[in-house]
N, C-alpha and C. Protein backbone atom coordinates (compact mmCIF):
# COMPACT_ATOMS: atom_id res chain seq x y z
N UNK A 1 0.79 -1.19 -0.02
CA UNK A 1 0.02 0.01 0.00
C UNK A 1 0.93 1.28 -0.02
N UNK A 2 1.97 1.25 0.75
CA UNK A 2 2.83 2.30 0.77
C UNK A 2 3.47 2.73 -0.60
N UNK A 3 3.84 1.66 -1.30
CA UNK A 3 4.37 1.93 -2.70
C UNK A 3 3.32 2.57 -3.64
N UNK A 4 2.12 2.16 -3.40
CA UNK A 4 0.91 2.65 -4.17
C UNK A 4 0.85 4.29 -3.79
N UNK A 5 0.89 4.54 -2.53
CA UNK A 5 0.73 5.92 -2.12
C UNK A 5 1.88 6.85 -2.70
N UNK A 6 3.12 6.34 -2.64
CA UNK A 6 4.37 7.01 -3.17
C UNK A 6 4.13 7.29 -4.73
N UNK A 7 3.67 6.20 -5.48
CA UNK A 7 3.46 6.33 -6.82
C UNK A 7 2.44 7.35 -7.13
N UNK A 8 1.28 7.35 -6.35
CA UNK A 8 0.21 8.43 -6.61
C UNK A 8 0.77 9.69 -6.28
N UNK A 9 1.53 9.92 -5.27
CA UNK A 9 2.17 11.21 -4.86
C UNK A 9 3.12 11.77 -5.98
N UNK A 10 3.82 10.78 -6.46
CA UNK A 10 4.88 11.18 -7.50
C UNK A 10 4.06 11.63 -8.72
N UNK A 11 3.10 10.85 -9.17
CA UNK A 11 2.21 11.16 -10.38
C UNK A 11 1.68 12.52 -10.14
N UNK A 12 1.06 12.90 -9.03
CA UNK A 12 0.47 14.12 -8.80
C UNK A 12 1.34 15.24 -8.88
N UNK A 13 2.48 15.12 -8.24
CA UNK A 13 3.62 16.09 -8.43
C UNK A 13 4.02 16.37 -9.78
N UNK A 14 4.21 15.30 -10.50
CA UNK A 14 4.55 15.38 -11.88
C UNK A 14 3.58 16.05 -12.75
N UNK A 15 2.23 15.77 -12.61
CA UNK A 15 1.26 16.38 -13.33
C UNK A 15 1.16 17.93 -13.05
N UNK A 16 1.31 18.30 -11.66
CA UNK A 16 1.28 19.63 -11.33
C UNK A 16 2.42 20.44 -11.90
N UNK A 17 3.68 19.87 -12.02
CA UNK A 17 4.84 20.44 -12.65
C UNK A 17 4.56 20.65 -14.11
N UNK A 18 3.91 19.71 -14.84
CA UNK A 18 3.59 19.84 -16.19
C UNK A 18 2.60 20.97 -16.50
N UNK A 19 1.52 21.08 -15.57
CA UNK A 19 0.55 22.15 -15.82
C UNK A 19 1.31 23.44 -15.58
N UNK A 20 2.09 23.62 -14.56
CA UNK A 20 2.77 24.88 -14.28
C UNK A 20 3.70 25.33 -15.46
N UNK A 21 4.47 24.30 -16.08
CA UNK A 21 5.27 24.52 -17.16
C UNK A 21 4.46 24.96 -18.38
N UNK A 22 3.31 24.41 -18.60
CA UNK A 22 2.47 24.73 -19.74
C UNK A 22 1.95 26.23 -19.45
N UNK A 23 1.61 26.50 -18.23
CA UNK A 23 1.10 27.87 -17.85
C UNK A 23 2.31 28.92 -18.13
N UNK A 24 3.50 28.55 -17.80
CA UNK A 24 4.60 29.51 -17.94
C UNK A 24 4.79 29.68 -19.42
N UNK A 25 4.64 28.67 -20.22
CA UNK A 25 4.83 28.77 -21.77
C UNK A 25 3.85 29.53 -22.32
N UNK A 26 2.61 29.49 -21.97
CA UNK A 26 1.41 30.10 -22.60
C UNK A 26 1.34 31.55 -22.07
N UNK A 27 1.78 31.92 -21.04
CA UNK A 27 1.76 33.33 -20.55
C UNK A 27 0.40 33.69 -20.25
N UNK A 28 0.02 34.93 -21.00
CA UNK A 28 -1.29 35.37 -20.75
C UNK A 28 -2.49 34.47 -21.38
N UNK A 29 -2.13 33.77 -22.32
CA UNK A 29 -3.15 32.87 -22.84
C UNK A 29 -3.43 31.61 -22.05
N UNK A 30 -2.82 31.38 -20.96
CA UNK A 30 -3.03 30.35 -20.08
C UNK A 30 -4.45 30.45 -19.59
N UNK A 31 -5.22 29.27 -19.34
CA UNK A 31 -6.49 29.21 -18.82
C UNK A 31 -6.51 29.09 -17.27
N UNK A 32 -5.43 29.01 -16.63
CA UNK A 32 -5.30 28.89 -15.21
C UNK A 32 -5.34 30.25 -14.51
N UNK A 33 -6.01 30.40 -13.50
CA UNK A 33 -6.14 31.58 -12.78
C UNK A 33 -5.02 31.55 -11.70
N UNK A 34 -4.84 32.62 -10.91
CA UNK A 34 -3.82 32.69 -9.97
C UNK A 34 -4.19 31.68 -8.74
N UNK A 35 -5.33 31.45 -8.42
CA UNK A 35 -5.67 30.37 -7.45
C UNK A 35 -5.23 29.04 -7.79
N UNK A 36 -5.58 28.64 -9.07
CA UNK A 36 -5.22 27.34 -9.56
C UNK A 36 -3.58 27.23 -9.51
N UNK A 37 -2.88 28.27 -9.99
CA UNK A 37 -1.51 28.30 -9.96
C UNK A 37 -0.98 28.03 -8.51
N UNK A 38 -1.54 28.77 -7.67
CA UNK A 38 -1.01 28.68 -6.21
C UNK A 38 -1.33 27.32 -5.72
N UNK A 39 -2.51 26.78 -6.01
CA UNK A 39 -2.69 25.40 -5.66
C UNK A 39 -1.77 24.44 -6.11
N UNK A 40 -1.41 24.49 -7.37
CA UNK A 40 -0.38 23.62 -7.95
C UNK A 40 0.99 23.71 -7.29
N UNK A 41 1.33 25.04 -7.02
CA UNK A 41 2.53 25.23 -6.39
C UNK A 41 2.63 24.65 -4.93
N UNK A 42 1.47 24.86 -4.21
CA UNK A 42 1.41 24.32 -2.92
C UNK A 42 1.35 22.84 -2.88
N UNK A 43 0.85 22.13 -3.90
CA UNK A 43 0.89 20.70 -3.92
C UNK A 43 2.28 20.21 -4.05
N UNK A 44 3.13 20.99 -4.91
CA UNK A 44 4.47 20.54 -5.12
C UNK A 44 5.24 20.73 -3.86
N UNK A 45 5.14 21.91 -3.28
CA UNK A 45 5.85 22.29 -2.13
C UNK A 45 5.61 21.40 -0.94
N UNK A 46 4.24 21.12 -0.71
CA UNK A 46 3.85 20.29 0.41
C UNK A 46 4.28 18.86 0.19
N UNK A 47 4.23 18.34 -1.05
CA UNK A 47 4.65 17.00 -1.32
C UNK A 47 6.22 16.80 -0.96
N UNK A 48 6.87 17.81 -1.24
CA UNK A 48 8.40 17.67 -1.08
C UNK A 48 8.64 17.74 0.47
N UNK A 49 7.91 18.51 1.15
CA UNK A 49 8.03 18.59 2.53
C UNK A 49 7.66 17.21 3.16
N UNK A 50 6.60 16.71 2.79
CA UNK A 50 6.10 15.32 3.23
C UNK A 50 7.17 14.31 3.08
N UNK A 51 7.76 14.30 1.82
CA UNK A 51 8.69 13.36 1.47
C UNK A 51 10.01 13.60 2.42
N UNK A 52 10.39 14.71 2.75
CA UNK A 52 11.51 14.90 3.61
C UNK A 52 11.15 14.43 5.10
N UNK A 53 9.86 14.65 5.54
CA UNK A 53 9.50 14.20 6.91
C UNK A 53 9.55 12.68 6.80
N UNK A 54 8.97 12.07 5.79
CA UNK A 54 8.93 10.67 5.88
C UNK A 54 10.36 10.02 5.89
N UNK A 55 11.25 10.76 5.11
CA UNK A 55 12.67 10.28 5.14
C UNK A 55 13.32 10.45 6.50
N UNK A 56 13.05 11.54 7.13
CA UNK A 56 13.65 11.74 8.53
C UNK A 56 13.07 10.74 9.55
N UNK A 57 11.87 10.40 9.32
CA UNK A 57 11.19 9.54 10.37
C UNK A 57 11.82 8.19 10.15
N UNK A 58 12.05 7.71 8.84
CA UNK A 58 12.62 6.40 8.61
C UNK A 58 14.06 6.40 9.11
N UNK A 59 14.73 7.52 8.96
CA UNK A 59 16.12 7.56 9.43
C UNK A 59 16.29 7.47 10.93
N UNK A 60 15.36 8.24 11.70
CA UNK A 60 15.38 8.35 13.10
C UNK A 60 14.99 6.90 13.68
N UNK A 61 14.06 6.21 12.99
CA UNK A 61 13.71 4.98 13.50
C UNK A 61 14.81 3.85 13.32
N UNK A 62 15.54 4.00 12.13
CA UNK A 62 16.60 3.27 11.95
C UNK A 62 17.85 3.45 12.92
N UNK A 63 17.94 4.61 13.35
CA UNK A 63 19.08 4.96 14.26
C UNK A 63 18.83 4.45 15.68
N UNK A 64 17.63 4.25 16.14
CA UNK A 64 17.22 3.71 17.43
C UNK A 64 17.39 2.23 17.41
């Protein structure tokens, strides 16, 4: 189950990065509004934070 969740998180991050990249390329012609862009950026930022937290939890458990 954990592998599935990691895969889903990775896919979500990847899709968010693609949408932001397209938004950047289209500029003013992009259909995304500022709230949608902020949501995508939050998803990427929060997912990287969560990955760091998970890594540190596994590291601290392994050290004990």
